[in-house]
Amino acid sequence: MNLLDLQNRIAVMAIVNRTPDSFYDQGATFALDKAVAAALAAAEAGADLVDIGGVPFGRGPAVSLQEEIDRVVPVVEGIHAASDVVISVDTFSAEVARLSIAAGAGVINDTSGLWDPDMAPVVAASDATLVLTHSLAPPRSEPPRPEYHDVVAEVVEFLADRVARAVAAGIPRGRLVVDPGHDLNKNTLHSLEITRRLEEVVALGLPTLVAVSRKDFVGETLDAAKGDRLEGSLAAAVVCVLKGARIVRMHDVAPTVAAMRMTEAILGWREPAYLRHNMG
């Protein structure tokens, strides 16, 4: 994935979960054919990347390594055979990452922040990009009440450390992305603070990804159920872009693409599709 083209453009990352208990879609794309079809539809709708996940971040039934491989790798193979969209895999397992890269994935989205000590070496041995995300607890667990003295400062410190580890393992900075991890081991006030001060994360000097789609900080702020959080999610995504984010990970591709293209035009990064109004 060439990250240089993010200088004046926002990349939209679509979410495709091959899980029966996913946070939002509740298994709608668990079947292999539905997962591949959803990824291809997202690419057709304008997604720059599709992010494939086989294990939810939070608590839930145990998923073995082999089960995660069986869920994720065939989806990667199916997408790669049918499209040139950039494929991302959401995993904290180095072995899943290795097999996914071999199957055609170009990005590994590690929401655990290098919990698996083999993750950085596996990515370093490939041409893939690695997303480094802030989270506190081991995968599949969450602290009951996460506490921070200064959530943004601590997120930045954590990410700087993980960037250093990744570079030491042999991954060039040009193949790294950072994600502050909205809602991951954070309450709503933490996630709002991260959004408000996102430029401090961006100051790390790497492309910043934000995953704000339909999350609980949106729902709690607006008193909105998961199905009613689109507008709040888009508002959060646009604010993050204005503060320097360059990749937005979202469930609703078409509305997000429209919002990002409009934001780019307002920022002077792209021309309108056409000019007719009051043009004489």
Protein backbone atom coordinates (compact mmCIF):
# COMPACT_ATOMS: atom_id res chain seq x y z
CA MET A 1 0.00 0.00 0.00
CA ASN A 2 1.45 3.34 -1.04
CA LEU A 3 0.85 5.71 1.84
CA LEU A 4 2.30 8.72 0.03
CA ASP A 5 -1.04 9.31 -1.71
CA LEU A 6 -2.61 10.16 1.66
CA GLN A 7 -1.03 13.60 1.73
CA ASN A 8 -4.11 15.24 0.23
CA ARG A 9 -6.63 12.42 0.24
CA ILE A 10 -8.55 10.49 2.87
CA ALA A 11 -8.62 6.72 2.52
CA VAL A 12 -11.80 4.90 3.50
CA MET A 13 -11.33 1.48 5.11
CA ALA A 14 -14.43 -0.71 4.99
CA ILE A 15 -15.17 -3.20 7.77
CA VAL A 16 -16.00 -6.81 6.91
CA ASN A 17 -16.28 -9.15 9.89
CA ARG A 18 -16.33 -12.89 9.39
CA THR A 19 -17.56 -13.51 12.90
CA PRO A 20 -20.91 -14.67 14.27
CA ASP A 21 -20.77 -12.17 17.15
CA SER A 22 -19.35 -8.99 15.66
CA PHE A 23 -19.95 -5.67 17.37
CA TYR A 24 -22.32 -4.21 14.78
CA ASP A 25 -23.38 -6.60 12.02
CA GLN A 26 -23.98 -9.57 14.35
CA GLY A 27 -22.82 -12.19 11.86
CA ALA A 28 -24.36 -10.78 8.67
CA THR A 29 -21.13 -11.52 6.75
CA PHE A 30 -20.08 -14.69 8.59
CA ALA A 31 -20.62 -16.93 5.56
CA LEU A 32 -17.62 -16.99 3.23
CA ASP A 33 -19.54 -15.95 0.12
CA LYS A 34 -21.24 -13.10 1.98
CA ALA A 35 -17.94 -11.83 3.38
CA VAL A 36 -16.28 -11.79 -0.05
CA ALA A 37 -19.35 -10.20 -1.64
CA ALA A 38 -19.48 -7.51 1.06
CA ALA A 39 -15.82 -6.68 0.52
CA LEU A 40 -16.25 -6.42 -3.25
CA ALA A 41 -19.37 -4.28 -2.81
CA ALA A 42 -17.44 -1.98 -0.48
CA ALA A 43 -14.70 -1.59 -3.07
CA GLU A 44 -17.31 -0.83 -5.73
CA ALA A 45 -18.80 1.80 -3.40
CA GLY A 46 -15.45 3.56 -3.17
CA ALA A 47 -13.57 1.94 -0.29
CA ASP A 48 -9.80 2.14 -0.67
CA LEU A 49 -9.22 -0.71 1.74
CA VAL A 50 -11.31 -3.56 3.12
CA ASP A 51 -10.49 -4.73 6.65
CA ILE A 52 -11.23 -8.40 7.30
CA GLY A 53 -11.64 -9.60 10.87
CA GLY A 54 -12.11 -13.10 12.23
CA VAL A 55 -12.06 -12.40 15.99
CA PRO A 56 -13.78 -9.51 17.79
CA PHE A 57 -11.59 -7.27 19.96
CA GLY A 58 -13.56 -7.55 23.18
CA ARG A 59 -14.72 -10.39 25.36
CA GLY A 60 -16.46 -13.37 23.81
CA PRO A 61 -16.23 -17.10 23.12
CA ALA A 62 -12.71 -18.39 22.57
CA VAL A 63 -11.59 -18.66 18.95
CA SER A 64 -8.71 -21.01 18.21
CA LEU A 65 -5.85 -20.04 15.94
CA GLN A 66 -6.99 -22.54 13.32
CA GLU A 67 -10.54 -21.21 13.42
CA GLU A 68 -9.33 -17.65 12.89
CA ILE A 69 -7.18 -18.81 9.97
CA ASP A 70 -10.14 -20.68 8.47
CA ARG A 71 -12.33 -17.60 8.80
CA VAL A 72 -9.90 -15.02 7.44
CA VAL A 73 -7.57 -16.50 4.85
CA PRO A 74 -10.24 -17.77 2.41
CA VAL A 75 -11.84 -14.32 2.43
CA VAL A 76 -8.50 -12.72 1.60
CA GLU A 77 -7.99 -15.22 -1.22
CA GLY A 78 -11.47 -14.60 -2.59
CA ILE A 79 -11.09 -10.82 -2.59
CA HIS A 80 -7.58 -10.92 -4.02
CA ALA A 81 -8.73 -13.11 -6.92
CA ALA A 82 -11.53 -10.71 -7.84
CA SER A 83 -10.30 -7.18 -7.03
CA ASP A 84 -7.22 -5.02 -6.66
CA VAL A 85 -8.62 -3.25 -3.58
CA VAL A 86 -6.11 -3.10 -0.73
CA ILE A 87 -6.87 -5.91 1.72
CA SER A 88 -6.29 -5.36 5.42
CA VAL A 89 -6.56 -8.07 8.07
CA ASP A 90 -7.60 -7.21 11.60
CA THR A 91 -5.64 -9.66 13.76
CA PHE A 92 -3.35 -9.82 16.78
CA SER A 93 -1.87 -13.16 15.67
CA ALA A 94 1.44 -13.21 13.81
CA GLU A 95 0.57 -16.54 12.18
CA VAL A 96 -2.73 -15.23 10.86
CA ALA A 97 -0.86 -12.18 9.60
CA ARG A 98 1.76 -14.34 7.85
CA LEU A 99 -0.80 -16.51 6.07
CA SER A 100 -2.98 -13.52 5.19
CA ILE A 101 -0.05 -11.67 3.62
CA ALA A 102 0.78 -14.79 1.59
CA ALA A 103 -2.87 -14.87 0.44
CA GLY A 104 -2.82 -11.26 -0.75
CA ALA A 105 -3.27 -8.93 2.23
CA GLY A 106 -1.32 -5.68 2.04
CA VAL A 107 -2.08 -4.34 5.52
CA ILE A 108 -2.11 -5.92 8.98
CA ASN A 109 -4.33 -4.05 11.43
CA ASP A 110 -3.09 -5.09 14.88
CA THR A 111 -5.52 -3.72 17.45
CA SER A 112 -3.45 -5.23 20.27
CA GLY A 113 -0.38 -3.07 19.73
CA LEU A 114 2.12 -5.92 19.13
CA TRP A 115 0.81 -8.26 21.81
CA ASP A 116 2.24 -11.16 19.76
CA PRO A 117 6.06 -10.75 19.86
CA ASP A 118 6.33 -12.33 16.41
CA MET A 119 4.02 -9.80 14.75
CA ALA A 120 6.62 -7.15 13.90
CA PRO A 121 9.16 -9.65 12.51
CA VAL A 122 6.47 -11.28 10.35
CA VAL A 123 5.43 -7.95 8.84
CA ALA A 124 9.06 -6.88 8.49
CA ALA A 125 9.72 -9.96 6.34
CA SER A 126 7.00 -8.84 3.90
CA ASP A 127 6.02 -5.71 2.01
CA ALA A 128 2.89 -5.20 4.10
CA THR A 129 1.93 -2.11 6.09
CA LEU A 130 1.33 -2.47 9.84
CA VAL A 131 -1.30 -0.52 11.78
CA LEU A 132 -0.25 -0.03 15.41
CA THR A 133 -3.21 0.55 17.72
CA HIS A 134 -3.36 1.63 21.35
CA SER A 135 -5.06 -0.81 23.72
CA LEU A 136 -4.25 -1.79 27.29
CA ALA A 137 -5.55 -5.28 27.97
CA PRO A 138 -4.59 -8.59 26.37
CA PRO A 139 -6.71 -9.57 23.36
CA ARG A 140 -10.28 -10.74 24.12
CA SER A 141 -10.29 -9.03 27.51
CA GLU A 142 -11.08 -5.54 28.72
CA PRO A 143 -10.26 -3.82 32.02
CA PRO A 144 -13.53 -3.12 33.85
CA ARG A 145 -12.72 0.55 34.42
CA PRO A 146 -9.68 1.82 32.52
CA GLU A 147 -8.08 4.86 34.12
CA TYR A 148 -5.61 7.39 32.72
CA HIS A 149 -3.91 10.44 34.17
CA ASP A 150 -3.82 12.00 30.67
CA VAL A 151 -5.32 9.66 28.11
CA VAL A 152 -3.89 11.40 25.04
CA ALA A 153 -0.37 11.69 26.46
CA GLU A 154 -0.44 8.03 27.46
CA VAL A 155 -1.76 6.93 24.07
CA VAL A 156 0.99 8.91 22.33
CA GLU A 157 3.66 7.42 24.61
CA PHE A 158 2.38 3.89 23.96
CA LEU A 159 2.28 4.40 20.19
CA ALA A 160 5.75 5.95 20.12
CA ASP A 161 7.05 2.88 21.94
CA ARG A 162 5.34 0.50 19.51
CA VAL A 163 6.66 2.44 16.53
CA ALA A 164 10.18 2.12 17.94
CA ARG A 165 9.70 -1.62 18.41
CA ALA A 166 8.40 -2.04 14.87
CA VAL A 167 11.29 -0.06 13.37
CA ALA A 168 13.78 -2.05 15.47
CA ALA A 169 12.25 -5.24 14.04
CA GLY A 170 12.97 -3.99 10.53
CA ILE A 171 9.73 -2.35 9.40
CA PRO A 172 10.41 0.98 7.65
CA ARG A 173 8.47 3.96 9.03
CA GLY A 174 6.93 4.31 5.59
CA ARG A 175 5.02 1.06 6.23
CA LEU A 176 3.60 2.07 9.61
CA VAL A 177 0.24 3.61 10.55
CA VAL A 178 -0.94 4.59 14.04
CA ASP A 179 -4.42 4.33 15.53
CA PRO A 180 -5.31 5.82 18.96
CA GLY A 181 -7.90 3.09 19.49
CA HIS A 182 -11.18 4.89 20.14
CA ASP A 183 -13.20 2.92 22.74
CA LEU A 184 -10.54 0.19 23.07
CA ASN A 185 -10.06 0.03 26.84
CA LYS A 186 -11.38 3.59 27.02
CA ASN A 187 -14.64 5.14 28.17
CA THR A 188 -16.65 7.74 26.27
CA LEU A 189 -14.90 10.70 27.87
CA HIS A 190 -11.53 9.23 26.91
CA SER A 191 -12.60 8.74 23.29
CA LEU A 192 -14.00 12.27 23.06
CA GLU A 193 -10.75 13.66 24.48
CA ILE A 194 -8.71 11.69 21.96
CA THR A 195 -10.86 13.07 19.15
CA ARG A 196 -10.55 16.62 20.47
CA ARG A 197 -6.76 16.37 20.72
CA LEU A 198 -6.06 14.04 17.81
CA GLU A 199 -3.39 16.35 16.42
CA GLU A 200 -1.14 15.17 19.27
CA VAL A 201 -1.32 11.64 17.85
CA VAL A 202 -0.81 12.93 14.31
CA ALA A 203 2.35 14.69 15.55
CA LEU A 204 4.03 11.29 15.73
CA GLY A 205 4.58 11.87 12.02
CA LEU A 206 2.88 8.76 10.69
CA PRO A 207 -0.46 8.36 8.89
CA THR A 208 -3.20 8.21 11.51
CA LEU A 209 -6.13 5.82 11.22
CA VAL A 210 -9.30 6.34 13.23
CA ALA A 211 -11.95 3.69 13.87
CA VAL A 212 -14.96 5.61 15.12
CA SER A 213 -17.78 3.88 13.26
CA ARG A 214 -20.92 3.30 15.36
CA LYS A 215 -18.86 2.96 18.51
CA ASP A 216 -20.18 3.28 22.03
CA PHE A 217 -18.71 6.75 22.55
CA VAL A 218 -20.95 7.92 19.70
CA GLY A 219 -23.94 6.06 21.10
CA GLU A 220 -23.48 7.30 24.65
CA THR A 221 -22.93 10.88 23.49
CA LEU A 222 -26.11 10.91 21.40
CA ASP A 223 -28.17 8.36 23.34
CA ALA A 224 -28.33 6.34 20.13
CA ALA A 225 -28.54 2.60 19.51
CA LYS A 226 -25.96 0.99 17.19
CA GLY A 227 -28.29 1.27 14.22
CA ASP A 228 -28.77 5.00 14.78
CA ARG A 229 -25.15 6.15 14.99
CA LEU A 230 -24.32 6.91 11.36
CA GLU A 231 -24.56 10.70 11.59
CA GLY A 232 -22.56 10.82 14.81
CA SER A 233 -19.94 8.51 13.34
CA LEU A 234 -19.57 10.69 10.24
CA ALA A 235 -19.24 13.81 12.40
CA ALA A 236 -16.52 12.16 14.47
CA ALA A 237 -14.71 11.00 11.33
CA VAL A 238 -14.77 14.48 9.75
CA VAL A 239 -13.48 16.11 12.95
CA CYS A 240 -10.66 13.57 13.04
CA VAL A 241 -9.79 14.34 9.42
CA LEU A 242 -9.70 18.07 10.15
CA LYS A 243 -7.26 17.28 12.94
CA GLY A 244 -5.01 15.22 10.67
CA ALA A 245 -6.38 11.68 10.34
CA ARG A 246 -5.83 10.19 6.90
CA ILE A 247 -7.62 6.81 7.10
CA VAL A 248 -11.14 6.32 8.45
CA ARG A 249 -12.35 2.80 9.27
CA MET A 250 -16.13 2.73 8.80
CA HIS A 251 -19.07 0.36 8.39
CA ASP A 252 -21.11 2.57 6.02
CA VAL A 253 -18.98 2.97 2.93
CA ALA A 254 -21.05 5.10 0.52
CA PRO A 255 -22.00 7.82 3.05
CA THR A 256 -18.42 7.89 4.33
CA VAL A 257 -16.93 8.23 0.86
CA ALA A 258 -19.28 11.15 0.13
CA ALA A 259 -18.40 12.83 3.42
CA MET A 260 -14.66 12.40 2.81
CA ARG A 261 -14.81 13.67 -0.79
CA MET A 262 -16.76 16.73 0.42
CA THR A 263 -14.26 17.33 3.19
CA GLU A 264 -11.38 17.09 0.71
CA ALA A 265 -13.06 19.67 -1.54
CA ILE A 266 -13.61 22.07 1.38
CA LEU A 267 -9.94 21.69 2.30
CA GLY A 268 -8.97 22.50 -1.29
CA TRP A 269 -7.60 19.04 -2.05
CA ARG A 270 -9.96 18.17 -4.89
CA GLU A 271 -12.06 19.94 -7.52
CA PRO A 272 -15.87 19.69 -7.58
CA ALA A 273 -17.24 17.02 -9.91
CA TYR A 274 -18.75 19.82 -12.01
CA LEU A 275 -19.55 23.54 -11.89
CA ARG A 276 -22.98 24.81 -12.96
CA HIS A 277 -24.48 26.87 -10.14
CA ASN A 278 -24.29 30.60 -10.94
CA MET A 279 -21.72 29.95 -13.66
CA GLY A 280 -23.59 31.98 -16.29
